[in-house]
Amino acid sequence: MALSNVKPLSKIKIVATFPKKLEQDLNQVQDNTEKTIKGIHKCPLIAGHVITTTLKSGITNNVNHGMGETILWFALSPNVSTTLVDVVSPQPDLYFCITTTSTITLSLFVFPKP
């Protein structure tokens, strides 16, 4: 078949008549899917991202997060055994503060505070 004879899917009109029960079931699936997607979209983790940074021991490390709002964080990959302490940031919409018991490079996952 020559390509000139192929119609794009967007131009094909499909007309179908469904039994009432099937139509109700399809409507219910659509409604449930919409509710699920809206629920996922509201999850603050969706708006998060990973930051890799080096933290120095013995000082308060300011970590810029780029979110423009107060965030929560958790460590993904410390490369040494250490203790991380979240310190109150004077500007939580710009950066968060961490102290650590050893100098480490690690990845942190940051996301908006719900």
C-alpha atoms as a PDB file:
ATOM      1  CA  MET A   1       0.000   0.000   0.000  1.00  0.00           C
ATOM      2  CA  ALA A   2       1.376   3.387  -0.930  1.00  0.00           C
ATOM      3  CA  LEU A   3       1.916   5.867   1.890  1.00  0.00           C
ATOM      4  CA  SER A   4      -0.286   8.406   0.130  1.00  0.00           C
ATOM      5  CA  ASN A   5      -3.280   6.128   0.832  1.00  0.00           C
ATOM      6  CA  VAL A   6      -2.664   6.028   4.619  1.00  0.00           C
ATOM      7  CA  LYS A   7      -4.819   8.407   6.658  1.00  0.00           C
ATOM      8  CA  PRO A   8      -3.461   9.913   9.898  1.00  0.00           C
ATOM      9  CA  LEU A   9      -5.198   8.486  12.960  1.00  0.00           C
ATOM     10  CA  SER A  10      -6.419  11.929  13.968  1.00  0.00           C
ATOM     11  CA  LYS A  11      -8.544  12.092  10.826  1.00  0.00           C
ATOM     12  CA  ILE A  12     -10.185   8.695  11.275  1.00  0.00           C
ATOM     13  CA  LYS A  13     -13.536   8.991  13.002  1.00  0.00           C
ATOM     14  CA  ILE A  14     -14.576   5.938  14.957  1.00  0.00           C
ATOM     15  CA  VAL A  15     -18.228   5.679  15.791  1.00  0.00           C
ATOM     16  CA  ALA A  16     -19.310   2.962  18.168  1.00  0.00           C
ATOM     17  CA  THR A  17     -22.355   2.197  20.223  1.00  0.00           C
ATOM     18  CA  PHE A  18     -21.723   0.514  23.542  1.00  0.00           C
ATOM     19  CA  PRO A  19     -24.201  -1.392  25.692  1.00  0.00           C
ATOM     20  CA  LYS A  20     -25.391   0.771  28.616  1.00  0.00           C
ATOM     21  CA  LYS A  21     -23.501  -1.246  31.277  1.00  0.00           C
ATOM     22  CA  LEU A  22     -20.231  -1.039  29.318  1.00  0.00           C
ATOM     23  CA  GLU A  23     -20.700   2.700  28.851  1.00  0.00           C
ATOM     24  CA  GLN A  24     -21.251   3.116  32.605  1.00  0.00           C
ATOM     25  CA  ASP A  25     -18.134   1.045  33.314  1.00  0.00           C
ATOM     26  CA  LEU A  26     -16.052   3.128  30.894  1.00  0.00           C
ATOM     27  CA  ASN A  27     -17.300   6.347  32.487  1.00  0.00           C
ATOM     28  CA  GLN A  28     -16.396   4.997  35.928  1.00  0.00           C
ATOM     29  CA  VAL A  29     -12.884   4.079  34.729  1.00  0.00           C
ATOM     30  CA  GLN A  30     -12.445   7.593  33.318  1.00  0.00           C
ATOM     31  CA  ASP A  31     -13.635   9.175  36.579  1.00  0.00           C
ATOM     32  CA  ASN A  32     -11.362   6.959  38.694  1.00  0.00           C
ATOM     33  CA  THR A  33      -8.379   7.646  36.428  1.00  0.00           C
ATOM     34  CA  GLU A  34      -8.935  11.393  36.697  1.00  0.00           C
ATOM     35  CA  LYS A  35      -9.129  11.193  40.518  1.00  0.00           C
ATOM     36  CA  THR A  36      -5.948   9.098  40.652  1.00  0.00           C
ATOM     37  CA  ILE A  37      -3.994  11.447  38.412  1.00  0.00           C
ATOM     38  CA  LYS A  38      -5.135  14.478  40.413  1.00  0.00           C
ATOM     39  CA  GLY A  39      -4.037  12.699  43.616  1.00  0.00           C
ATOM     40  CA  ILE A  40      -0.600  11.940  42.173  1.00  0.00           C
ATOM     41  CA  HIS A  41      -0.236  15.518  40.962  1.00  0.00           C
ATOM     42  CA  LYS A  42      -0.880  16.797  44.513  1.00  0.00           C
ATOM     43  CA  CYS A  43       1.938  14.659  45.952  1.00  0.00           C
ATOM     44  CA  PRO A  44       4.806  17.006  46.949  1.00  0.00           C
ATOM     45  CA  LEU A  45       7.424  14.402  45.997  1.00  0.00           C
ATOM     46  CA  ILE A  46       6.544  14.900  42.317  1.00  0.00           C
ATOM     47  CA  ALA A  47       7.966  18.447  42.445  1.00  0.00           C
ATOM     48  CA  GLY A  48      11.199  17.342  44.116  1.00  0.00           C
ATOM     49  CA  HIS A  49      14.722  17.028  42.778  1.00  0.00           C
ATOM     50  CA  VAL A  50      18.153  15.717  43.750  1.00  0.00           C
ATOM     51  CA  ILE A  51      20.996  17.933  44.964  1.00  0.00           C
ATOM     52  CA  THR A  52      24.543  16.601  45.277  1.00  0.00           C
ATOM     53  CA  THR A  53      26.685  18.608  47.669  1.00  0.00           C
ATOM     54  CA  THR A  54      29.729  18.431  49.910  1.00  0.00           C
ATOM     55  CA  LEU A  55      29.101  19.127  53.582  1.00  0.00           C
ATOM     56  CA  LYS A  56      31.954  20.094  55.908  1.00  0.00           C
ATOM     57  CA  SER A  57      32.082  18.897  59.485  1.00  0.00           C
ATOM     58  CA  GLY A  58      32.054  21.309  62.397  1.00  0.00           C
ATOM     59  CA  ILE A  59      30.156  24.114  60.640  1.00  0.00           C
ATOM     60  CA  THR A  60      26.593  24.885  59.587  1.00  0.00           C
ATOM     61  CA  ASN A  61      26.375  24.160  55.856  1.00  0.00           C
ATOM     62  CA  ASN A  62      23.908  26.270  53.870  1.00  0.00           C
ATOM     63  CA  VAL A  63      22.514  24.225  50.958  1.00  0.00           C
ATOM     64  CA  ASN A  64      20.728  26.160  48.203  1.00  0.00           C
ATOM     65  CA  HIS A  65      17.730  24.197  46.992  1.00  0.00           C
ATOM     66  CA  GLY A  66      16.324  26.419  44.216  1.00  0.00           C
ATOM     67  CA  MET A  67      12.692  25.677  45.102  1.00  0.00           C
ATOM     68  CA  GLY A  68      11.654  29.193  46.148  1.00  0.00           C
ATOM     69  CA  GLU A  69       9.673  27.816  49.082  1.00  0.00           C
ATOM     70  CA  THR A  70      10.172  25.930  52.337  1.00  0.00           C
ATOM     71  CA  ILE A  71      11.259  22.365  51.666  1.00  0.00           C
ATOM     72  CA  LEU A  72      11.804  19.006  53.312  1.00  0.00           C
ATOM     73  CA  TRP A  73      14.792  16.807  52.488  1.00  0.00           C
ATOM     74  CA  PHE A  74      16.243  13.373  53.012  1.00  0.00           C
ATOM     75  CA  ALA A  75      19.695  11.916  52.317  1.00  0.00           C
ATOM     76  CA  LEU A  76      20.033   9.459  49.444  1.00  0.00           C
ATOM     77  CA  SER A  77      23.681   8.465  49.374  1.00  0.00           C
ATOM     78  CA  PRO A  78      26.089   9.330  52.135  1.00  0.00           C
ATOM     79  CA  ASN A  79      29.474   7.842  51.270  1.00  0.00           C
ATOM     80  CA  VAL A  80      30.627   7.564  54.894  1.00  0.00           C
ATOM     81  CA  SER A  81      29.038   6.959  58.261  1.00  0.00           C
ATOM     82  CA  THR A  82      27.960  10.298  59.691  1.00  0.00           C
ATOM     83  CA  THR A  83      25.238  12.077  61.619  1.00  0.00           C
ATOM     84  CA  LEU A  84      23.254  14.773  59.808  1.00  0.00           C
ATOM     85  CA  VAL A  85      21.415  17.434  61.807  1.00  0.00           C
ATOM     86  CA  ASP A  86      18.826  19.736  60.247  1.00  0.00           C
ATOM     87  CA  VAL A  87      19.380  23.282  61.571  1.00  0.00           C
ATOM     88  CA  VAL A  88      16.711  25.994  61.326  1.00  0.00           C
ATOM     89  CA  SER A  89      17.393  28.138  58.268  1.00  0.00           C
ATOM     90  CA  PRO A  90      16.916  31.915  58.483  1.00  0.00           C
ATOM     91  CA  GLN A  91      15.730  31.847  54.846  1.00  0.00           C
ATOM     92  CA  PRO A  92      14.039  28.456  54.299  1.00  0.00           C
ATOM     93  CA  ASP A  93      12.668  29.483  50.899  1.00  0.00           C
ATOM     94  CA  LEU A  94      16.268  29.875  49.612  1.00  0.00           C
ATOM     95  CA  TYR A  95      18.387  27.335  51.473  1.00  0.00           C
ATOM     96  CA  PHE A  96      18.390  24.802  54.269  1.00  0.00           C
ATOM     97  CA  CYS A  97      21.083  24.229  56.880  1.00  0.00           C
ATOM     98  CA  ILE A  98      22.791  20.991  57.883  1.00  0.00           C
ATOM     99  CA  THR A  99      25.576  20.147  60.299  1.00  0.00           C
ATOM    100  CA  THR A 100      27.463  16.877  60.025  1.00  0.00           C
ATOM    101  CA  THR A 101      29.934  14.912  62.122  1.00  0.00           C
ATOM    102  CA  SER A 102      32.292  14.318  59.155  1.00  0.00           C
ATOM    103  CA  THR A 103      33.038  15.971  55.820  1.00  0.00           C
ATOM    104  CA  ILE A 104      30.989  14.120  53.196  1.00  0.00           C
ATOM    105  CA  THR A 105      29.670  14.358  49.664  1.00  0.00           C
ATOM    106  CA  LEU A 106      26.119  13.144  49.393  1.00  0.00           C
ATOM    107  CA  SER A 107      22.931  13.417  47.386  1.00  0.00           C
ATOM    108  CA  LEU A 108      19.833  14.893  48.990  1.00  0.00           C
ATOM    109  CA  PHE A 109      16.284  14.708  47.698  1.00  0.00           C
ATOM    110  CA  VAL A 110      14.422  17.987  48.301  1.00  0.00           C
ATOM    111  CA  PHE A 111      10.706  18.626  47.830  1.00  0.00           C
ATOM    112  CA  PRO A 112       8.148  21.298  48.798  1.00  0.00           C
ATOM    113  CA  LYS A 113       6.854  21.125  52.346  1.00  0.00           C
ATOM    114  CA  PRO A 114       3.143  20.204  52.198  1.00  0.00           C
END
